Amino acid sequence: MKTLIIDLDDLIIALATRYELDDPSHYLDLDSGEVIYAGEGLEALPPDLATNPRYRWIESVQAEPALHVIDAFIAQLGNPLARATLTAAFQDDEPFEAFREAMQTLPELRDDWFSFHHEAYSTMAQDWCRQQGIDPQWVQDAA
């Protein structure tokens, strides 16, 4: 297994980003550990980004596991009103958008949600790395 220093927050962003149209992508540089965002209009990207085995494409987490994170967050809430509000949003035809909108009405849960989300996606990032044959050594942005 290859040991690689990776910015955990950057990998979480890559895994959590849900794309709609142009499908920009994220790649992991297997030499440097850098997570590279390859979106429209960006310059200075490696010309062989999509073909060189040095760069591993990072597939975003599919809808089902992402929805499971939301569902698990709702299930652990102690506030029955907040739980009811978010459950109703979660059952919407567009659960991601409805959940985001409902969370805007519950600002007191914002930090709890971000912590829960970060913890869940940290586990997914660890699993993704292991599946890729990578033993990650995490660094985090000092933001």
C-alpha atoms as a PDB file:
ATOM      1  CA  MET A   1       0.000   0.000   0.000  1.00  0.00           C
ATOM      2  CA  LYS A   2       1.359   3.412  -0.978  1.00  0.00           C
ATOM      3  CA  THR A   3       1.619   6.057   1.766  1.00  0.00           C
ATOM      4  CA  LEU A   4       0.558   9.484   0.542  1.00  0.00           C
ATOM      5  CA  ILE A   5       0.065  12.824   2.279  1.00  0.00           C
ATOM      6  CA  ILE A   6      -3.386  14.131   1.283  1.00  0.00           C
ATOM      7  CA  ASP A   7      -5.377  17.161   2.374  1.00  0.00           C
ATOM      8  CA  LEU A   8      -8.427  15.547   3.982  1.00  0.00           C
ATOM      9  CA  ASP A   9     -10.649  18.590   3.442  1.00  0.00           C
ATOM     10  CA  ASP A  10      -9.815  18.692  -0.275  1.00  0.00           C
ATOM     11  CA  LEU A  11     -10.618  14.998  -0.663  1.00  0.00           C
ATOM     12  CA  ILE A  12     -13.893  15.438   1.236  1.00  0.00           C
ATOM     13  CA  ILE A  13     -14.865  18.276  -1.117  1.00  0.00           C
ATOM     14  CA  ALA A  14     -14.088  16.047  -4.109  1.00  0.00           C
ATOM     15  CA  LEU A  15     -16.155  13.186  -2.715  1.00  0.00           C
ATOM     16  CA  ALA A  16     -19.061  15.375  -1.615  1.00  0.00           C
ATOM     17  CA  THR A  17     -19.404  17.576  -4.698  1.00  0.00           C
ATOM     18  CA  ARG A  18     -22.486  16.681  -6.706  1.00  0.00           C
ATOM     19  CA  TYR A  19     -22.301  17.764 -10.334  1.00  0.00           C
ATOM     20  CA  GLU A  20     -25.254  18.467 -12.545  1.00  0.00           C
ATOM     21  CA  LEU A  21     -24.160  19.484 -16.031  1.00  0.00           C
ATOM     22  CA  ASP A  22     -20.630  19.808 -17.345  1.00  0.00           C
ATOM     23  CA  ASP A  23     -19.211  17.151 -15.034  1.00  0.00           C
ATOM     24  CA  PRO A  24     -16.022  18.809 -13.903  1.00  0.00           C
ATOM     25  CA  SER A  25     -13.888  16.331 -12.056  1.00  0.00           C
ATOM     26  CA  HIS A  26     -11.424  15.913  -9.262  1.00  0.00           C
ATOM     27  CA  TYR A  27      -8.263  13.865  -9.533  1.00  0.00           C
ATOM     28  CA  LEU A  28      -5.714  12.745  -6.986  1.00  0.00           C
ATOM     29  CA  ASP A  29      -2.086  13.165  -7.993  1.00  0.00           C
ATOM     30  CA  LEU A  30      -0.543   9.873  -6.888  1.00  0.00           C
ATOM     31  CA  ASP A  31       2.918  11.444  -6.786  1.00  0.00           C
ATOM     32  CA  SER A  32       2.209  14.583  -4.759  1.00  0.00           C
ATOM     33  CA  GLY A  33      -1.061  13.755  -2.960  1.00  0.00           C
ATOM     34  CA  GLU A  34      -2.628  16.930  -4.360  1.00  0.00           C
ATOM     35  CA  VAL A  35      -6.363  16.894  -5.104  1.00  0.00           C
ATOM     36  CA  ILE A  36      -6.790  18.604  -8.471  1.00  0.00           C
ATOM     37  CA  TYR A  37     -10.044  20.247  -9.518  1.00  0.00           C
ATOM     38  CA  ALA A  38     -10.473  20.025 -13.280  1.00  0.00           C
ATOM     39  CA  GLY A  39     -13.333  22.332 -14.154  1.00  0.00           C
ATOM     40  CA  GLU A  40     -14.184  24.435 -17.152  1.00  0.00           C
ATOM     41  CA  GLY A  41     -12.000  27.483 -17.729  1.00  0.00           C
ATOM     42  CA  LEU A  42      -9.148  26.398 -15.497  1.00  0.00           C
ATOM     43  CA  GLU A  43      -5.647  26.868 -16.778  1.00  0.00           C
ATOM     44  CA  ALA A  44      -2.398  25.133 -15.844  1.00  0.00           C
ATOM     45  CA  LEU A  45      -3.923  21.677 -15.620  1.00  0.00           C
ATOM     46  CA  PRO A  46      -1.700  18.791 -16.629  1.00  0.00           C
ATOM     47  CA  PRO A  47      -2.455  18.104 -20.309  1.00  0.00           C
ATOM     48  CA  ASP A  48      -2.597  14.361 -19.667  1.00  0.00           C
ATOM     49  CA  LEU A  49      -4.805  14.609 -16.586  1.00  0.00           C
ATOM     50  CA  ALA A  50      -7.466  12.206 -17.882  1.00  0.00           C
ATOM     51  CA  THR A  51      -5.055   9.670 -19.388  1.00  0.00           C
ATOM     52  CA  ASN A  52      -1.951   9.528 -17.186  1.00  0.00           C
ATOM     53  CA  PRO A  53      -2.152   6.810 -14.490  1.00  0.00           C
ATOM     54  CA  ARG A  54      -0.394   9.264 -12.147  1.00  0.00           C
ATOM     55  CA  TYR A  55      -3.787  10.989 -11.785  1.00  0.00           C
ATOM     56  CA  ARG A  56      -6.593   8.988 -10.181  1.00  0.00           C
ATOM     57  CA  TRP A  57     -10.123  10.172 -10.903  1.00  0.00           C
ATOM     58  CA  ILE A  58     -12.147  10.761  -7.737  1.00  0.00           C
ATOM     59  CA  GLU A  59     -15.742   9.723  -8.245  1.00  0.00           C
ATOM     60  CA  SER A  60     -18.199  11.706  -6.150  1.00  0.00           C
ATOM     61  CA  VAL A  61     -20.151   9.778  -3.556  1.00  0.00           C
ATOM     62  CA  GLN A  62     -23.308   8.423  -5.144  1.00  0.00           C
ATOM     63  CA  ALA A  63     -26.748   9.639  -4.067  1.00  0.00           C
ATOM     64  CA  GLU A  64     -27.614   6.671  -1.851  1.00  0.00           C
ATOM     65  CA  PRO A  65     -24.666   6.938   0.569  1.00  0.00           C
ATOM     66  CA  ALA A  66     -24.974  10.735   0.559  1.00  0.00           C
ATOM     67  CA  LEU A  67     -28.653  10.435   1.472  1.00  0.00           C
ATOM     68  CA  HIS A  68     -27.743   7.957   4.195  1.00  0.00           C
ATOM     69  CA  VAL A  69     -25.525  10.621   5.804  1.00  0.00           C
ATOM     70  CA  ILE A  70     -28.443  13.056   5.855  1.00  0.00           C
ATOM     71  CA  ASP A  71     -30.809  10.408   7.209  1.00  0.00           C
ATOM     72  CA  ALA A  72     -28.349   9.435   9.968  1.00  0.00           C
ATOM     73  CA  PHE A  73     -27.954  13.099  10.935  1.00  0.00           C
ATOM     74  CA  ILE A  74     -31.709  13.549  11.192  1.00  0.00           C
ATOM     75  CA  ALA A  75     -32.108  10.330  13.204  1.00  0.00           C
ATOM     76  CA  GLN A  76     -29.654  11.453  15.890  1.00  0.00           C
ATOM     77  CA  LEU A  77     -31.267  14.859  16.477  1.00  0.00           C
ATOM     78  CA  GLY A  78     -32.692  15.380  19.937  1.00  0.00           C
ATOM     79  CA  ASN A  79     -34.940  18.298  18.989  1.00  0.00           C
ATOM     80  CA  PRO A  80     -38.280  16.820  17.772  1.00  0.00           C
ATOM     81  CA  LEU A  81     -39.264  19.975  15.850  1.00  0.00           C
ATOM     82  CA  ALA A  82     -35.949  20.075  13.976  1.00  0.00           C
ATOM     83  CA  ARG A  83     -36.168  16.333  13.329  1.00  0.00           C
ATOM     84  CA  ALA A  84     -39.715  16.722  11.928  1.00  0.00           C
ATOM     85  CA  THR A  85     -38.701  19.670   9.728  1.00  0.00           C
ATOM     86  CA  LEU A  86     -35.706  17.858   8.276  1.00  0.00           C
ATOM     87  CA  THR A  87     -37.570  14.565   7.895  1.00  0.00           C
ATOM     88  CA  ALA A  88     -40.229  16.314   5.810  1.00  0.00           C
ATOM     89  CA  ALA A  89     -37.517  17.883   3.666  1.00  0.00           C
ATOM     90  CA  PHE A  90     -35.722  14.549   3.321  1.00  0.00           C
ATOM     91  CA  GLN A  91     -38.915  12.986   1.946  1.00  0.00           C
ATOM     92  CA  ASP A  92     -39.188  15.621  -0.799  1.00  0.00           C
ATOM     93  CA  ASP A  93     -38.729  14.667  -4.463  1.00  0.00           C
ATOM     94  CA  GLU A  94     -35.490  16.700  -4.388  1.00  0.00           C
ATOM     95  CA  PRO A  95     -34.133  15.710  -0.964  1.00  0.00           C
ATOM     96  CA  PHE A  96     -30.709  17.355  -1.289  1.00  0.00           C
ATOM     97  CA  GLU A  97     -32.111  20.762  -2.205  1.00  0.00           C
ATOM     98  CA  ALA A  98     -35.006  20.466   0.261  1.00  0.00           C
ATOM     99  CA  PHE A  99     -32.598  19.510   3.063  1.00  0.00           C
ATOM    100  CA  ARG A 100     -30.349  22.513   2.284  1.00  0.00           C
ATOM    101  CA  GLU A 101     -33.361  24.821   2.319  1.00  0.00           C
ATOM    102  CA  ALA A 102     -34.694  23.355   5.562  1.00  0.00           C
ATOM    103  CA  MET A 103     -31.283  23.694   7.200  1.00  0.00           C
ATOM    104  CA  GLN A 104     -31.387  27.423   6.438  1.00  0.00           C
ATOM    105  CA  THR A 105     -34.392  27.656   8.759  1.00  0.00           C
ATOM    106  CA  LEU A 106     -32.423  25.894  11.514  1.00  0.00           C
ATOM    107  CA  PRO A 107     -29.205  27.907  11.871  1.00  0.00           C
ATOM    108  CA  GLU A 108     -28.626  26.470  15.337  1.00  0.00           C
ATOM    109  CA  LEU A 109     -27.921  23.096  13.677  1.00  0.00           C
ATOM    110  CA  ARG A 110     -25.411  24.406  11.147  1.00  0.00           C
ATOM    111  CA  ASP A 111     -22.255  23.556  13.126  1.00  0.00           C
ATOM    112  CA  ASP A 112     -23.665  20.175  14.166  1.00  0.00           C
ATOM    113  CA  TRP A 113     -24.435  19.330  10.533  1.00  0.00           C
ATOM    114  CA  PHE A 114     -20.985  20.351   9.307  1.00  0.00           C
ATOM    115  CA  SER A 115     -19.298  18.310  12.041  1.00  0.00           C
ATOM    116  CA  PHE A 116     -21.493  15.282  11.332  1.00  0.00           C
ATOM    117  CA  HIS A 117     -20.951  15.594   7.571  1.00  0.00           C
ATOM    118  CA  HIS A 118     -17.187  15.990   8.004  1.00  0.00           C
ATOM    119  CA  GLU A 119     -16.986  12.916  10.220  1.00  0.00           C
ATOM    120  CA  ALA A 120     -19.046  10.778   7.820  1.00  0.00           C
ATOM    121  CA  TYR A 121     -17.086  11.896   4.764  1.00  0.00           C
ATOM    122  CA  SER A 122     -13.769  11.433   6.588  1.00  0.00           C
ATOM    123  CA  THR A 123     -14.689   7.771   6.892  1.00  0.00           C
ATOM    124  CA  MET A 124     -15.650   7.655   3.203  1.00  0.00           C
ATOM    125  CA  ALA A 125     -12.340   9.327   2.282  1.00  0.00           C
ATOM    126  CA  GLN A 126     -10.430   6.744   4.292  1.00  0.00           C
ATOM    127  CA  ASP A 127     -12.374   3.934   2.592  1.00  0.00           C
ATOM    128  CA  TRP A 128     -11.811   5.436  -0.871  1.00  0.00           C
ATOM    129  CA  CYS A 129      -8.073   5.657  -0.264  1.00  0.00           C
ATOM    130  CA  ARG A 130      -7.880   2.061   0.925  1.00  0.00           C
ATOM    131  CA  GLN A 131      -9.779   0.926  -2.185  1.00  0.00           C
ATOM    132  CA  GLN A 132      -7.171   2.752  -4.263  1.00  0.00           C
ATOM    133  CA  GLY A 133      -4.278   1.078  -2.451  1.00  0.00           C
ATOM    134  CA  ILE A 134      -3.371   4.272  -0.606  1.00  0.00           C
ATOM    135  CA  ASP A 135      -2.467   4.606   3.062  1.00  0.00           C
ATOM    136  CA  PRO A 136      -3.380   8.265   3.591  1.00  0.00           C
ATOM    137  CA  GLN A 137      -1.576  10.555   5.972  1.00  0.00           C
ATOM    138  CA  TRP A 138      -4.021  13.414   6.470  1.00  0.00           C
ATOM    139  CA  VAL A 139      -3.280  17.101   6.565  1.00  0.00           C
ATOM    140  CA  GLN A 140      -6.055  19.637   6.921  1.00  0.00           C
ATOM    141  CA  ASP A 141      -6.335  23.213   5.768  1.00  0.00           C
ATOM    142  CA  ALA A 142      -5.598  25.697   8.526  1.00  0.00           C
ATOM    143  CA  ALA A 143      -8.673  27.731   7.635  1.00  0.00           C
END
